[in-house]
Amino acid sequence: MEIQTCRSFAPSLSRLLTVSALSLLLGQTDALAYTVKTTFPRLGGTKYGAPHAYSDPSAQAQLAKLDYVLIDFFPNWGSVTKMRDTVKAIKAKNPNIVIVDYVIQETIHNTYAGLKPFRDKLDAEHWWLYQNGGGGTKVGPDGAVSTTNFTSSAPKDANGERWNTWFAKYVYNSVWSKVPELDGTFTDNVFWKPRVNGDWNGTAHRIARRIRRSIPRSARA
């Protein structure tokens, strides 16, 4: 199993945010029941790509060598018991490791079967980022994924939720409430400006709707 590791950080924004987030966590060691390493070097790793071999004892042994690690509890990868058992097994080998759940709400894969519940909800509520308004052609950085409208301009569902709040509750209910041994959540793809163009606030859709309402019914196509 390949694990991406790093010992030092270049001064890039994404890594700076990562360091800042981990610093906040590491700065609260007094409140933890274990000892987080605060001296250098700290060895960190990311393991959220295929193959997802988290339940493999040899993979767990490799992960346990790190000081902190990002892992991906993607939907349907395993039961709640397997998720929690995986974290507990790694921490049994290294009680002081910091294990952070990797999540991404900015884009959703277009075909991966495990993400179908997300795609179904996004389709039903029109929570994708569209070229124009609240429907039609979806926008994405490439052909593999589509971008979600995670802003406060997205429409609300029947429970008053937008994608950003619905996703947060989903992660809590399906992961955090089931695996209390986790130490944090890492949200990927948080950019200082959008990396794709789209109708983020639904302006085109609202303008078209207003124009349509101004046209007499007898004259509408």
N, C-alpha and C. Protein backbone atom coordinates (compact mmCIF):
# COMPACT_ATOMS: atom_id res chain seq x y z
N MET A 1 0.85 -1.19 0.00
CA MET A 1 0.00 0.00 0.00
C MET A 1 0.88 1.24 0.00
N GLU A 2 0.62 2.15 -0.89
CA GLU A 2 1.40 3.39 -0.97
C GLU A 2 0.78 4.46 -0.09
N ILE A 3 1.61 5.10 0.72
CA ILE A 3 1.17 6.19 1.58
C ILE A 3 2.01 7.42 1.24
N GLN A 4 1.36 8.51 0.91
CA GLN A 4 2.07 9.75 0.64
C GLN A 4 2.43 10.39 1.97
N THR A 5 3.72 10.70 2.13
CA THR A 5 4.17 11.29 3.38
C THR A 5 4.90 12.59 3.13
N CYS A 6 5.03 13.39 4.17
CA CYS A 6 5.76 14.64 4.06
C CYS A 6 6.37 14.98 5.42
N ARG A 7 7.57 15.55 5.39
CA ARG A 7 8.25 15.95 6.62
C ARG A 7 8.33 17.46 6.76
N SER A 8 8.30 18.18 5.65
CA SER A 8 8.36 19.64 5.71
C SER A 8 7.36 20.20 4.73
N PHE A 9 7.01 21.48 4.89
CA PHE A 9 5.97 22.09 4.09
C PHE A 9 6.50 23.31 3.36
N ALA A 10 6.25 23.38 2.04
CA ALA A 10 6.57 24.57 1.27
C ALA A 10 5.52 25.63 1.57
N PRO A 11 5.84 26.91 1.37
CA PRO A 11 4.90 27.99 1.73
C PRO A 11 3.78 28.18 0.73
N SER A 12 3.00 27.13 0.47
CA SER A 12 1.85 27.26 -0.41
C SER A 12 0.60 27.42 0.44
N LEU A 13 -0.46 27.99 -0.15
CA LEU A 13 -1.67 28.27 0.61
C LEU A 13 -2.31 27.01 1.14
N SER A 14 -2.43 25.99 0.27
CA SER A 14 -3.12 24.77 0.70
C SER A 14 -2.38 24.10 1.85
N ARG A 15 -1.05 24.07 1.77
CA ARG A 15 -0.29 23.43 2.84
C ARG A 15 -0.29 24.31 4.08
N LEU A 16 -0.30 25.61 3.88
CA LEU A 16 -0.37 26.50 5.03
C LEU A 16 -1.66 26.28 5.80
N LEU A 17 -2.78 26.10 5.06
CA LEU A 17 -4.05 25.83 5.72
C LEU A 17 -4.00 24.50 6.46
N THR A 18 -3.34 23.51 5.84
CA THR A 18 -3.21 22.21 6.49
C THR A 18 -2.42 22.34 7.79
N VAL A 19 -1.29 23.04 7.72
CA VAL A 19 -0.47 23.23 8.91
C VAL A 19 -1.24 23.99 9.98
N SER A 20 -1.99 25.02 9.56
CA SER A 20 -2.76 25.81 10.52
C SER A 20 -3.80 24.97 11.23
N ALA A 21 -4.51 24.14 10.44
CA ALA A 21 -5.55 23.30 11.02
C ALA A 21 -4.95 22.31 12.01
N LEU A 22 -3.83 21.71 11.62
CA LEU A 22 -3.19 20.75 12.51
C LEU A 22 -2.60 21.44 13.73
N SER A 23 -2.13 22.68 13.54
CA SER A 23 -1.58 23.42 14.68
C SER A 23 -2.65 23.69 15.72
N LEU A 24 -3.88 24.00 15.24
CA LEU A 24 -4.97 24.21 16.17
C LEU A 24 -5.24 22.96 16.98
N LEU A 25 -5.20 21.82 16.28
CA LEU A 25 -5.43 20.55 16.96
C LEU A 25 -4.29 20.23 17.92
N LEU A 26 -3.06 20.38 17.41
CA LEU A 26 -1.91 20.04 18.23
C LEU A 26 -1.72 21.00 19.39
N GLY A 27 -2.27 22.20 19.26
CA GLY A 27 -2.15 23.17 20.33
C GLY A 27 -3.09 22.92 21.49
N GLN A 28 -3.98 21.93 21.35
CA GLN A 28 -4.94 21.62 22.39
C GLN A 28 -4.63 20.29 23.06
N THR A 29 -3.35 19.99 23.19
CA THR A 29 -2.97 18.68 23.71
C THR A 29 -3.39 18.48 25.15
N ASP A 30 -3.56 19.56 25.91
CA ASP A 30 -3.95 19.40 27.31
C ASP A 30 -5.31 18.76 27.47
N ALA A 31 -6.17 18.92 26.44
CA ALA A 31 -7.53 18.41 26.54
C ALA A 31 -7.64 16.97 26.04
N LEU A 32 -6.54 16.42 25.51
CA LEU A 32 -6.58 15.09 24.94
C LEU A 32 -6.15 14.05 25.96
N ALA A 33 -6.62 12.83 25.74
CA ALA A 33 -6.29 11.75 26.66
C ALA A 33 -4.99 11.05 26.27
N TYR A 34 -4.29 11.56 25.29
CA TYR A 34 -3.05 10.97 24.85
C TYR A 34 -2.09 12.10 24.50
N THR A 35 -0.86 11.75 24.20
CA THR A 35 0.18 12.76 23.96
C THR A 35 0.42 12.93 22.47
N VAL A 36 0.12 14.12 21.96
CA VAL A 36 0.37 14.43 20.56
C VAL A 36 1.79 14.95 20.42
N LYS A 37 2.52 14.45 19.45
CA LYS A 37 3.90 14.89 19.25
C LYS A 37 3.92 16.35 18.83
N THR A 38 4.68 17.17 19.54
CA THR A 38 4.75 18.60 19.23
C THR A 38 6.15 19.02 18.81
N THR A 39 7.09 18.08 18.77
CA THR A 39 8.44 18.39 18.33
C THR A 39 8.63 17.95 16.89
N PHE A 40 9.67 18.45 16.26
CA PHE A 40 9.95 18.09 14.88
C PHE A 40 11.09 17.07 14.83
N PRO A 41 11.13 16.22 13.78
CA PRO A 41 10.14 16.19 12.68
C PRO A 41 8.87 15.45 13.06
N ARG A 42 7.75 15.86 12.45
CA ARG A 42 6.50 15.12 12.55
C ARG A 42 6.25 14.47 11.20
N LEU A 43 5.90 13.24 11.22
CA LEU A 43 5.68 12.51 9.98
C LEU A 43 4.19 12.38 9.73
N GLY A 44 3.74 12.97 8.63
CA GLY A 44 2.32 12.91 8.28
C GLY A 44 2.11 12.19 6.97
N GLY A 45 0.94 11.66 6.79
CA GLY A 45 0.65 10.95 5.56
C GLY A 45 -0.80 11.09 5.14
N THR A 46 -1.05 10.86 3.87
CA THR A 46 -2.41 10.86 3.33
C THR A 46 -2.67 9.51 2.69
N LYS A 47 -3.82 8.94 2.99
CA LYS A 47 -4.21 7.66 2.38
C LYS A 47 -5.70 7.71 2.11
N TYR A 48 -6.06 8.35 0.99
CA TYR A 48 -7.47 8.40 0.64
C TYR A 48 -7.71 8.06 -0.82
N GLY A 49 -6.76 7.39 -1.45
CA GLY A 49 -6.95 6.92 -2.81
C GLY A 49 -6.97 5.40 -2.84
N ALA A 50 -7.41 4.86 -3.97
CA ALA A 50 -7.48 3.41 -4.10
C ALA A 50 -6.05 2.83 -4.15
N PRO A 51 -5.85 1.62 -3.64
CA PRO A 51 -6.85 0.78 -2.98
C PRO A 51 -7.07 1.20 -1.52
N HIS A 52 -8.31 1.11 -1.07
CA HIS A 52 -8.64 1.46 0.31
C HIS A 52 -8.49 0.20 1.16
N ALA A 53 -7.27 -0.01 1.61
CA ALA A 53 -6.96 -1.25 2.33
C ALA A 53 -6.89 -1.03 3.82
N TYR A 54 -7.76 -0.20 4.35
CA TYR A 54 -7.69 0.18 5.75
C TYR A 54 -7.86 -1.00 6.70
N SER A 55 -8.61 -2.00 6.30
CA SER A 55 -8.87 -3.13 7.19
C SER A 55 -7.73 -4.15 7.17
N ASP A 56 -6.78 -3.99 6.28
CA ASP A 56 -5.64 -4.89 6.17
C ASP A 56 -4.67 -4.62 7.33
N PRO A 57 -4.37 -5.62 8.15
CA PRO A 57 -3.46 -5.40 9.29
C PRO A 57 -2.10 -4.82 8.88
N SER A 58 -1.58 -5.24 7.71
CA SER A 58 -0.29 -4.71 7.28
C SER A 58 -0.39 -3.23 6.92
N ALA A 59 -1.52 -2.83 6.33
CA ALA A 59 -1.75 -1.42 6.03
C ALA A 59 -1.90 -0.62 7.31
N GLN A 60 -2.61 -1.17 8.27
CA GLN A 60 -2.77 -0.50 9.56
C GLN A 60 -1.42 -0.31 10.25
N ALA A 61 -0.54 -1.28 10.12
CA ALA A 61 0.79 -1.18 10.73
C ALA A 61 1.60 -0.06 10.09
N GLN A 62 1.47 0.09 8.77
CA GLN A 62 2.17 1.18 8.09
C GLN A 62 1.63 2.54 8.52
N LEU A 63 0.31 2.65 8.58
CA LEU A 63 -0.31 3.91 8.98
C LEU A 63 0.07 4.28 10.41
N ALA A 64 0.20 3.28 11.26
CA ALA A 64 0.50 3.52 12.67
C ALA A 64 1.90 4.08 12.89
N LYS A 65 2.75 4.03 11.89
CA LYS A 65 4.10 4.59 12.01
C LYS A 65 4.11 6.11 11.93
N LEU A 66 2.99 6.69 11.50
CA LEU A 66 2.91 8.14 11.30
C LEU A 66 2.51 8.86 12.58
N ASP A 67 2.78 10.18 12.59
CA ASP A 67 2.32 11.01 13.70
C ASP A 67 0.90 11.48 13.48
N TYR A 68 0.55 11.74 12.23
CA TYR A 68 -0.83 12.05 11.89
C TYR A 68 -1.12 11.58 10.47
N VAL A 69 -2.37 11.25 10.20
CA VAL A 69 -2.72 10.68 8.91
C VAL A 69 -4.14 11.09 8.53
N LEU A 70 -4.33 11.33 7.24
CA LEU A 70 -5.66 11.60 6.68
C LEU A 70 -6.15 10.35 5.99
N ILE A 71 -7.32 9.86 6.38
CA ILE A 71 -7.91 8.70 5.72
C ILE A 71 -9.34 9.02 5.32
N ASP A 72 -9.84 8.28 4.38
CA ASP A 72 -11.11 8.60 3.73
C ASP A 72 -12.15 7.54 4.03
N PHE A 73 -13.11 7.88 4.88
CA PHE A 73 -14.23 6.98 5.13
C PHE A 73 -15.32 7.26 4.10
N PHE A 74 -15.07 6.88 2.87
CA PHE A 74 -16.01 7.17 1.80
C PHE A 74 -17.27 6.33 1.97
N PRO A 75 -18.42 6.81 1.45
CA PRO A 75 -19.68 6.09 1.63
C PRO A 75 -19.60 4.66 1.10
N ASN A 76 -20.14 3.76 1.87
CA ASN A 76 -20.30 2.36 1.48
C ASN A 76 -18.98 1.58 1.40
N TRP A 77 -17.89 2.14 1.95
CA TRP A 77 -16.65 1.36 1.89
C TRP A 77 -16.67 0.22 2.89
N GLY A 78 -17.46 0.37 3.91
CA GLY A 78 -17.56 -0.69 4.91
C GLY A 78 -18.57 -0.31 5.96
N SER A 79 -18.88 -1.25 6.81
CA SER A 79 -19.87 -0.99 7.85
C SER A 79 -19.30 -0.04 8.90
N VAL A 80 -20.20 0.48 9.75
CA VAL A 80 -19.77 1.34 10.85
C VAL A 80 -18.77 0.60 11.73
N THR A 81 -19.04 -0.67 11.98
CA THR A 81 -18.14 -1.47 12.82
C THR A 81 -16.75 -1.51 12.23
N LYS A 82 -16.65 -1.70 10.92
CA LYS A 82 -15.34 -1.76 10.27
C LYS A 82 -14.63 -0.42 10.35
N MET A 83 -15.36 0.68 10.18
CA MET A 83 -14.75 1.99 10.27
C MET A 83 -14.14 2.20 11.65
N ARG A 84 -14.92 1.94 12.67
CA ARG A 84 -14.43 2.17 14.03
C ARG A 84 -13.33 1.19 14.39
N ASP A 85 -13.48 -0.06 14.00
CA ASP A 85 -12.45 -1.05 14.29
C ASP A 85 -11.13 -0.68 13.65
N THR A 86 -11.18 -0.10 12.44
CA THR A 86 -9.97 0.32 11.76
C THR A 86 -9.24 1.39 12.55
N VAL A 87 -9.97 2.42 12.98
CA VAL A 87 -9.35 3.50 13.76
C VAL A 87 -8.80 2.97 15.07
N LYS A 88 -9.56 2.13 15.74
CA LYS A 88 -9.11 1.59 17.03
C LYS A 88 -7.88 0.70 16.86
N ALA A 89 -7.83 -0.04 15.75
CA ALA A 89 -6.68 -0.92 15.51
C ALA A 89 -5.41 -0.11 15.28
N ILE A 90 -5.53 0.99 14.53
CA ILE A 90 -4.36 1.84 14.28
C ILE A 90 -3.91 2.49 15.57
N LYS A 91 -4.85 2.99 16.35
CA LYS A 91 -4.50 3.65 17.62
C LYS A 91 -3.97 2.65 18.65
N ALA A 92 -4.34 1.39 18.53
CA ALA A 92 -3.79 0.38 19.43
C ALA A 92 -2.30 0.19 19.19
N LYS A 93 -1.89 0.36 17.92
CA LYS A 93 -0.48 0.24 17.56
C LYS A 93 0.28 1.53 17.87
N ASN A 94 -0.40 2.66 17.77
CA ASN A 94 0.22 3.96 18.06
C ASN A 94 -0.82 4.83 18.76
N PRO A 95 -0.88 4.78 20.09
CA PRO A 95 -1.91 5.51 20.83
C PRO A 95 -1.86 7.02 20.64
N ASN A 96 -0.73 7.56 20.18
CA ASN A 96 -0.57 9.00 20.07
C ASN A 96 -0.78 9.53 18.65
N ILE A 97 -1.14 8.68 17.72
CA ILE A 97 -1.35 9.12 16.35
C ILE A 97 -2.61 9.99 16.26
N VAL A 98 -2.57 10.98 15.39
CA VAL A 98 -3.73 11.82 15.11
C VAL A 98 -4.35 11.34 13.80
N ILE A 99 -5.59 10.86 13.86
CA ILE A 99 -6.28 10.34 12.68
C ILE A 99 -7.39 11.31 12.29
N VAL A 100 -7.31 11.81 11.08
CA VAL A 100 -8.25 12.82 10.59
C VAL A 100 -9.01 12.27 9.40
N ASP A 101 -10.31 12.45 9.41
CA ASP A 101 -11.17 11.99 8.32
C ASP A 101 -11.10 12.98 7.16
N TYR A 102 -10.86 12.46 5.97
CA TYR A 102 -10.78 13.28 4.75
C TYR A 102 -12.15 13.35 4.10
N VAL A 103 -12.64 14.58 3.85
CA VAL A 103 -13.90 14.75 3.15
C VAL A 103 -13.73 15.82 2.07
N ILE A 104 -14.60 15.79 1.10
CA ILE A 104 -14.60 16.79 0.05
C ILE A 104 -16.03 17.03 -0.39
N GLN A 105 -16.49 18.26 -0.29
CA GLN A 105 -17.85 18.59 -0.69
C GLN A 105 -17.88 19.45 -1.94
N GLU A 106 -16.72 19.93 -2.40
CA GLU A 106 -16.66 20.86 -3.53
C GLU A 106 -16.96 20.18 -4.86
N THR A 107 -16.57 18.92 -4.99
CA THR A 107 -16.85 18.15 -6.20
C THR A 107 -17.30 16.74 -5.82
N ILE A 108 -18.07 16.13 -6.70
CA ILE A 108 -18.52 14.75 -6.52
C ILE A 108 -18.24 13.99 -7.80
N HIS A 109 -17.69 12.78 -7.65
CA HIS A 109 -17.37 11.96 -8.82
C HIS A 109 -18.65 11.60 -9.57
N ASN A 110 -18.55 11.62 -10.90
CA ASN A 110 -19.75 11.44 -11.73
C ASN A 110 -20.25 10.00 -11.81
N THR A 111 -19.38 9.03 -11.57
CA THR A 111 -19.80 7.64 -11.79
C THR A 111 -19.53 6.70 -10.62
N TYR A 112 -18.71 7.07 -9.67
CA TYR A 112 -18.37 6.15 -8.58
C TYR A 112 -19.64 5.73 -7.84
N ALA A 113 -19.86 4.42 -7.76
CA ALA A 113 -21.11 3.88 -7.21
C ALA A 113 -21.32 4.27 -5.75
N GLY A 114 -20.25 4.35 -4.97
CA GLY A 114 -20.38 4.66 -3.56
C GLY A 114 -20.90 6.06 -3.28
N LEU A 115 -20.80 6.95 -4.27
CA LEU A 115 -21.26 8.33 -4.09
C LEU A 115 -22.64 8.57 -4.67
N LYS A 116 -23.33 7.51 -5.06
CA LYS A 116 -24.66 7.67 -5.65
C LYS A 116 -25.64 8.38 -4.71
N PRO A 117 -25.63 8.11 -3.38
CA PRO A 117 -26.54 8.86 -2.50
C PRO A 117 -26.33 10.36 -2.58
N PHE A 118 -25.08 10.79 -2.73
CA PHE A 118 -24.80 12.22 -2.88
C PHE A 118 -25.36 12.74 -4.19
N ARG A 119 -25.09 12.02 -5.27
CA ARG A 119 -25.56 12.48 -6.59
C ARG A 119 -27.07 12.54 -6.64
N ASP A 120 -27.74 11.57 -6.05
CA ASP A 120 -29.21 11.57 -6.04
C ASP A 120 -29.75 12.79 -5.31
N LYS A 121 -29.14 13.12 -4.17
CA LYS A 121 -29.59 14.28 -3.40
C LYS A 121 -29.29 15.57 -4.15
N LEU A 122 -28.13 15.67 -4.74
CA LEU A 122 -27.75 16.86 -5.50
C LEU A 122 -28.66 17.05 -6.70
N ASP A 123 -29.01 15.95 -7.37
CA ASP A 123 -29.93 16.03 -8.51
C ASP A 123 -31.31 16.51 -8.06
N ALA A 124 -31.80 15.91 -6.98
CA ALA A 124 -33.16 16.22 -6.53
C ALA A 124 -33.31 17.66 -6.08
N GLU A 125 -32.27 18.20 -5.46
CA GLU A 125 -32.36 19.55 -4.88
C GLU A 125 -31.73 20.62 -5.78
N HIS A 126 -31.20 20.21 -6.93
CA HIS A 126 -30.53 21.16 -7.84
C HIS A 126 -29.40 21.88 -7.12
N TRP A 127 -28.56 21.10 -6.46
CA TRP A 127 -27.45 21.66 -5.69
C TRP A 127 -26.12 21.62 -6.45
N TRP A 128 -26.15 21.23 -7.71
CA TRP A 128 -24.94 21.30 -8.52
C TRP A 128 -24.67 22.75 -8.91
N LEU A 129 -23.46 23.01 -9.35
CA LEU A 129 -23.16 24.29 -9.99
C LEU A 129 -23.49 24.15 -11.46
N TYR A 130 -24.36 25.01 -11.95
CA TYR A 130 -24.79 24.96 -13.35
C TYR A 130 -24.23 26.16 -14.11
N GLN A 131 -24.19 26.01 -15.42
CA GLN A 131 -23.76 27.13 -16.26
C GLN A 131 -24.72 28.30 -16.13
N ASN A 132 -26.01 27.98 -16.08
CA ASN A 132 -27.03 29.01 -15.95
C ASN A 132 -28.12 28.54 -15.00
N GLY A 133 -28.29 29.26 -13.91
CA GLY A 133 -29.42 29.02 -13.03
C GLY A 133 -29.38 27.70 -12.29
N GLY A 134 -30.57 27.19 -11.99
CA GLY A 134 -30.70 26.03 -11.13
C GLY A 134 -30.93 24.73 -11.85
N GLY A 135 -30.46 24.60 -13.07
CA GLY A 135 -30.62 23.36 -13.81
C GLY A 135 -29.90 23.44 -15.14
N GLY A 136 -29.88 22.32 -15.85
CA GLY A 136 -29.24 22.31 -17.16
C GLY A 136 -27.87 21.69 -17.11
N THR A 137 -26.90 22.35 -17.74
CA THR A 137 -25.55 21.82 -17.86
C THR A 137 -24.76 22.04 -16.58
N LYS A 138 -24.26 20.94 -16.02
CA LYS A 138 -23.45 21.04 -14.81
C LYS A 138 -22.02 21.48 -15.16
N VAL A 139 -21.34 22.04 -14.17
CA VAL A 139 -19.99 22.55 -14.35
C VAL A 139 -19.03 21.69 -13.53
N GLY A 140 -17.84 21.46 -14.07
CA GLY A 140 -16.82 20.72 -13.34
C GLY A 140 -15.44 21.01 -13.87
N PRO A 141 -14.40 20.76 -13.08
CA PRO A 141 -13.04 21.02 -13.53
C PRO A 141 -12.54 20.04 -14.57
N ASP A 142 -13.17 18.87 -14.66
CA ASP A 142 -12.80 17.88 -15.66
C ASP A 142 -14.00 16.97 -15.90
N GLY A 143 -13.84 15.97 -16.73
CA GLY A 143 -14.95 15.10 -17.06
C GLY A 143 -15.28 14.07 -16.00
N ALA A 144 -14.44 13.94 -14.99
CA ALA A 144 -14.64 12.91 -13.98
C ALA A 144 -15.52 13.36 -12.83
N VAL A 145 -15.51 14.65 -12.52
CA VAL A 145 -16.25 15.15 -11.37
C VAL A 145 -17.07 16.37 -11.76
N SER A 146 -18.10 16.65 -10.97
CA SER A 146 -18.92 17.86 -11.15
C SER A 146 -18.86 18.68 -9.87
N THR A 147 -18.95 19.99 -10.03
CA THR A 147 -18.83 20.91 -8.90
C THR A 147 -20.19 21.12 -8.25
N THR A 148 -20.21 21.19 -6.94
CA THR A 148 -21.44 21.45 -6.19
C THR A 148 -21.55 22.93 -5.88
N ASN A 149 -22.78 23.39 -5.68
CA ASN A 149 -22.99 24.77 -5.24
C ASN A 149 -23.10 24.74 -3.72
N PHE A 150 -21.97 24.95 -3.07
CA PHE A 150 -21.93 24.87 -1.61
C PHE A 150 -22.09 26.23 -0.96
N THR A 151 -22.57 27.22 -1.71
CA THR A 151 -22.74 28.56 -1.17
C THR A 151 -24.12 28.71 -0.52
N SER A 152 -24.31 29.83 0.14
CA SER A 152 -25.61 30.12 0.76
C SER A 152 -26.65 30.56 -0.25
N SER A 153 -26.27 30.62 -1.53
CA SER A 153 -27.22 30.95 -2.59
C SER A 153 -27.92 29.72 -3.15
N ALA A 154 -27.46 28.54 -2.77
CA ALA A 154 -28.11 27.32 -3.24
C ALA A 154 -29.52 27.23 -2.66
N PRO A 155 -30.44 26.58 -3.38
CA PRO A 155 -31.81 26.43 -2.86
C PRO A 155 -31.84 25.53 -1.63
N LYS A 156 -32.90 25.66 -0.84
CA LYS A 156 -33.07 24.84 0.35
C LYS A 156 -33.95 23.63 0.03
N ASP A 157 -33.71 22.53 0.74
CA ASP A 157 -34.57 21.37 0.58
C ASP A 157 -35.77 21.49 1.51
N ALA A 158 -36.56 20.43 1.61
CA ALA A 158 -37.78 20.47 2.40
C ALA A 158 -37.51 20.70 3.89
N ASN A 159 -36.30 20.39 4.33
CA ASN A 159 -35.95 20.58 5.74
C ASN A 159 -35.20 21.88 6.00
N GLY A 160 -35.14 22.72 4.97
CA GLY A 160 -34.45 24.00 5.13
C GLY A 160 -32.94 23.91 5.03
N GLU A 161 -32.43 22.79 4.52
CA GLU A 161 -30.99 22.60 4.41
C GLU A 161 -30.50 22.96 3.01
N ARG A 162 -29.30 23.49 2.95
CA ARG A 162 -28.56 23.62 1.70
C ARG A 162 -27.49 22.55 1.67
N TRP A 163 -26.82 22.44 0.52
CA TRP A 163 -25.81 21.39 0.38
C TRP A 163 -24.75 21.47 1.48
N ASN A 164 -24.29 22.68 1.81
CA ASN A 164 -23.21 22.79 2.79
C ASN A 164 -23.64 22.27 4.17
N THR A 165 -24.84 22.59 4.62
CA THR A 165 -25.28 22.11 5.93
C THR A 165 -25.71 20.66 5.89
N TRP A 166 -26.36 20.25 4.79
CA TRP A 166 -26.77 18.85 4.65
C TRP A 166 -25.56 17.94 4.65
N PHE A 167 -24.50 18.33 3.93
CA PHE A 167 -23.30 17.51 3.85
C PHE A 167 -22.63 17.39 5.21
N ALA A 168 -22.56 18.51 5.94
CA ALA A 168 -21.93 18.48 7.26
C ALA A 168 -22.67 17.53 8.20
N LYS A 169 -24.00 17.57 8.17
CA LYS A 169 -24.78 16.68 9.02
C LYS A 169 -24.64 15.23 8.58
N TYR A 170 -24.53 15.02 7.27
CA TYR A 170 -24.35 13.66 6.76
C TYR A 170 -23.04 13.08 7.30
N VAL A 171 -21.96 13.87 7.21
CA VAL A 171 -20.66 13.40 7.69
C VAL A 171 -20.72 13.10 9.19
N TYR A 172 -21.37 13.98 9.94
CA TYR A 172 -21.46 13.75 11.39
C TYR A 172 -22.27 12.48 11.69
N ASN A 173 -23.43 12.36 11.07
CA ASN A 173 -24.32 11.24 11.37
C ASN A 173 -23.77 9.90 10.91
N SER A 174 -23.04 9.89 9.79
CA SER A 174 -22.58 8.63 9.22
C SER A 174 -21.16 8.27 9.64
N VAL A 175 -20.38 9.24 10.10
CA VAL A 175 -18.99 8.97 10.47
C VAL A 175 -18.70 9.39 11.92
N TRP A 176 -18.80 10.68 12.19
CA TRP A 176 -18.35 11.18 13.49
C TRP A 176 -19.13 10.60 14.66
N SER A 177 -20.43 10.50 14.53
CA SER A 177 -21.23 9.96 15.64
C SER A 177 -20.97 8.47 15.85
N LYS A 178 -20.42 7.81 14.83
CA LYS A 178 -20.16 6.38 14.91
C LYS A 178 -18.72 6.06 15.30
N VAL A 179 -17.81 6.99 15.01
CA VAL A 179 -16.38 6.74 15.26
C VAL A 179 -15.82 7.88 16.11
N PRO A 180 -16.12 7.89 17.41
CA PRO A 180 -15.67 8.99 18.27
C PRO A 180 -14.17 9.04 18.47
N GLU A 181 -13.46 7.99 18.06
CA GLU A 181 -12.00 7.99 18.21
C GLU A 181 -11.30 8.88 17.19
N LEU A 182 -12.01 9.37 16.19
CA LEU A 182 -11.40 10.29 15.22
C LEU A 182 -10.99 11.59 15.91
N ASP A 183 -9.95 12.23 15.36
CA ASP A 183 -9.41 13.44 15.97
C ASP A 183 -9.77 14.72 15.22
N GLY A 184 -10.28 14.60 14.01
CA GLY A 184 -10.60 15.80 13.26
C GLY A 184 -11.12 15.46 11.88
N THR A 185 -11.50 16.49 11.15
CA THR A 185 -11.95 16.35 9.76
C THR A 185 -11.17 17.32 8.89
N PHE A 186 -10.67 16.83 7.78
CA PHE A 186 -9.96 17.65 6.80
C PHE A 186 -10.87 17.83 5.59
N THR A 187 -11.21 19.07 5.28
CA THR A 187 -12.05 19.37 4.12
C THR A 187 -11.16 19.81 2.97
N ASP A 188 -11.12 19.02 1.91
CA ASP A 188 -10.26 19.32 0.77
C ASP A 188 -10.93 20.31 -0.18
N ASN A 189 -10.11 20.86 -1.07
CA ASN A 189 -10.58 21.76 -2.14
C ASN A 189 -11.30 22.99 -1.60
N VAL A 190 -10.67 23.66 -0.66
CA VAL A 190 -11.16 24.96 -0.20
C VAL A 190 -10.25 26.01 -0.81
N PHE A 191 -10.74 26.70 -1.82
CA PHE A 191 -9.92 27.64 -2.59
C PHE A 191 -10.24 29.08 -2.21
N TRP A 192 -9.29 29.96 -2.47
CA TRP A 192 -9.51 31.38 -2.16
C TRP A 192 -10.42 32.03 -3.20
N LYS A 193 -10.59 31.37 -4.36
CA LYS A 193 -11.57 31.80 -5.34
C LYS A 193 -12.02 30.56 -6.10
N PRO A 194 -13.21 30.57 -6.71
CA PRO A 194 -13.69 29.39 -7.43
C PRO A 194 -12.72 28.98 -8.54
N ARG A 195 -12.50 27.69 -8.70
CA ARG A 195 -11.62 27.24 -9.77
C ARG A 195 -12.36 26.99 -11.07
N VAL A 196 -13.69 27.10 -11.05
CA VAL A 196 -14.48 26.98 -12.27
C VAL A 196 -15.51 28.10 -12.30
N ASN A 197 -15.93 28.46 -13.49
CA ASN A 197 -16.96 29.48 -13.65
C ASN A 197 -18.33 28.82 -13.70
N GLY A 198 -19.30 29.47 -13.10
CA GLY A 198 -20.67 28.97 -13.12
C GLY A 198 -21.60 29.99 -12.49
N ASP A 199 -22.88 29.68 -12.51
CA ASP A 199 -23.88 30.60 -11.96
C ASP A 199 -24.05 30.28 -10.48
N TRP A 200 -23.11 30.74 -9.67
CA TRP A 200 -23.08 30.40 -8.26
C TRP A 200 -24.31 30.89 -7.50
N ASN A 201 -24.79 32.08 -7.84
CA ASN A 201 -25.93 32.63 -7.10
C ASN A 201 -27.26 32.48 -7.83
N GLY A 202 -27.26 31.74 -8.94
CA GLY A 202 -28.50 31.50 -9.66
C GLY A 202 -29.09 32.74 -10.30
N THR A 203 -28.25 33.74 -10.58
CA THR A 203 -28.75 35.00 -11.11
C THR A 203 -29.48 34.81 -12.43
N ALA A 204 -28.88 34.06 -13.33
CA ALA A 204 -29.49 33.87 -14.65
C ALA A 204 -30.85 33.22 -14.53
N HIS A 205 -30.96 32.26 -13.64
CA HIS A 205 -32.23 31.56 -13.45
C HIS A 205 -33.29 32.51 -12.90
N ARG A 206 -32.91 33.33 -11.92
CA ARG A 206 -33.88 34.25 -11.33
C ARG A 206 -34.32 35.33 -12.32
N ILE A 207 -33.37 35.82 -13.11
CA ILE A 207 -33.72 36.83 -14.11
C ILE A 207 -34.68 36.24 -15.14
N ALA A 208 -34.39 35.03 -15.60
CA ALA A 208 -35.26 34.39 -16.58
C ALA A 208 -36.65 34.17 -16.01
N ARG A 209 -36.71 33.80 -14.73
CA ARG A 209 -38.01 33.56 -14.10
C ARG A 209 -38.81 34.86 -13.99
N ARG A 210 -38.12 35.95 -13.65
CA ARG A 210 -38.81 37.23 -13.56
C ARG A 210 -39.31 37.69 -14.92
N ILE A 211 -38.48 37.49 -15.93
CA ILE A 211 -38.90 37.88 -17.29
C ILE A 211 -40.11 37.06 -17.70
N ARG A 212 -40.07 35.77 -17.41
CA ARG A 212 -41.19 34.91 -17.79
C ARG A 212 -42.47 35.34 -17.08
N ARG A 213 -42.37 35.71 -15.80
CA ARG A 213 -43.56 36.13 -15.06
C ARG A 213 -44.13 37.44 -15.61
N SER A 214 -43.28 38.25 -16.22
CA SER A 214 -43.74 39.53 -16.75
C SER A 214 -44.46 39.39 -18.09
N ILE A 215 -44.33 38.23 -18.72
CA ILE A 215 -44.98 37.99 -20.01
C ILE A 215 -46.39 37.45 -19.78
N PRO A 216 -47.38 38.02 -20.41
CA PRO A 216 -48.75 37.50 -20.26
C PRO A 216 -48.81 36.02 -20.60
N ARG A 217 -49.62 35.27 -19.86
CA ARG A 217 -49.72 33.83 -20.08
C ARG A 217 -50.10 33.50 -21.52
N SER A 218 -50.95 34.32 -22.09
CA SER A 218 -51.41 34.06 -23.46
C SER A 218 -50.28 34.18 -24.48
N ALA A 219 -49.20 34.89 -24.09
CA ALA A 219 -48.10 35.10 -25.03
C ALA A 219 -46.93 34.16 -24.78
N ARG A 220 -47.04 33.35 -23.71
CA ARG A 220 -45.93 32.44 -23.40
C ARG A 220 -45.94 31.25 -24.34
N ALA A 221 -44.75 30.77 -24.65
CA ALA A 221 -44.63 29.61 -25.54
C ALA A 221 -45.04 28.34 -24.81
